[in-house]
Amino acid sequence: MAHCYTENQIIQFIYKECDLFEKLEMEFAMEDDSTMMDSVNDYLIGYKALPKVTFSPRKRSIDAILAYSASAT
């Protein structure tokens, strides 16, 4: 019996947010079903096209957190 995977499950697979059992199950499904493999590849193309963004807090925010933690003890 073929299992239908949702978009959310495929995205969790791509972002490595699924558990080991789900990962293995989806990899097995991709080996057996070329349509599933095509769907995952389509999402991977979109994922790779997204810009790689990194965020860092302002120094003022870090200083405020450190000051609060020092005064709380």
Protein backbone atom coordinates (compact mmCIF):
# COMPACT_ATOMS: atom_id res chain seq x y z
CA MET A 1 0.00 0.00 0.00
CA ALA A 2 1.43 3.36 -1.03
CA HIS A 3 1.62 6.08 1.59
CA CYS A 4 0.79 9.65 0.61
CA TYR A 5 3.16 12.14 2.18
CA THR A 6 2.09 15.68 2.90
CA GLU A 7 4.03 18.79 1.96
CA ASN A 8 4.84 19.30 5.62
CA GLN A 9 6.34 15.81 5.92
CA ILE A 10 8.50 16.37 2.85
CA ILE A 11 9.69 19.72 4.19
CA GLN A 12 10.50 18.16 7.57
CA PHE A 13 12.50 15.51 5.72
CA ILE A 14 14.45 18.15 3.79
CA TYR A 15 15.18 20.20 6.92
CA LYS A 16 16.10 17.00 8.83
CA GLU A 17 13.35 17.59 11.38
CA CYS A 18 11.77 14.13 11.21
CA ASP A 19 12.66 11.18 13.38
CA LEU A 20 14.80 8.29 12.15
CA PHE A 21 11.85 6.02 11.39
CA GLU A 22 10.15 8.65 9.22
CA LYS A 23 13.44 9.40 7.45
CA LEU A 24 14.02 5.76 6.59
CA GLU A 25 10.39 5.30 5.55
CA MET A 26 10.55 8.26 3.18
CA GLU A 27 13.89 7.16 1.71
CA PHE A 28 12.41 3.72 1.05
CA ALA A 29 9.32 5.32 -0.54
CA MET A 30 11.54 7.43 -2.82
CA GLU A 31 13.37 4.32 -4.00
CA ASP A 32 10.10 2.63 -4.93
CA ASP A 33 8.12 5.58 -6.26
CA SER A 34 9.61 7.91 -8.86
CA THR A 35 6.75 10.38 -8.34
CA MET A 36 7.73 10.69 -4.69
CA MET A 37 11.36 11.20 -5.69
CA ASP A 38 10.30 13.92 -8.16
CA SER A 39 8.29 15.69 -5.45
CA VAL A 40 11.20 15.66 -3.02
CA ASN A 41 13.58 16.87 -5.74
CA ASP A 42 11.22 19.74 -6.59
CA TYR A 43 11.22 20.83 -2.95
CA LEU A 44 15.00 20.44 -2.76
CA ILE A 45 15.44 22.75 -5.75
CA GLY A 46 13.31 25.35 -3.98
CA TYR A 47 15.19 24.86 -0.71
CA LYS A 48 18.55 25.34 -2.41
CA ALA A 49 17.29 28.48 -4.14
CA LEU A 50 16.47 30.15 -0.82
CA PRO A 51 19.06 32.65 0.37
CA LYS A 52 21.23 31.53 3.27
CA VAL A 53 20.45 34.04 5.98
CA THR A 54 22.20 34.37 9.30
CA PHE A 55 21.01 36.55 12.12
CA SER A 56 22.93 37.94 15.03
CA PRO A 57 21.62 40.05 17.89
CA ARG A 58 22.78 43.59 18.50
CA LYS A 59 25.59 44.04 20.99
CA ARG A 60 23.25 46.15 23.11
CA SER A 61 20.83 43.21 23.40
CA ILE A 62 23.58 40.81 24.44
CA ASP A 63 24.89 43.30 27.01
CA ALA A 64 21.40 43.73 28.45
CA ILE A 65 20.95 39.95 28.79
CA LEU A 66 24.35 39.54 30.43
CA ALA A 67 23.67 42.43 32.81
CA TYR A 68 20.31 40.95 33.79
CA SER A 69 21.78 37.49 34.36
CA ALA A 70 24.56 38.95 36.52
CA SER A 71 22.06 40.86 38.67
CA ALA A 72 19.66 37.93 39.02
CA THR A 73 22.16 35.72 40.88
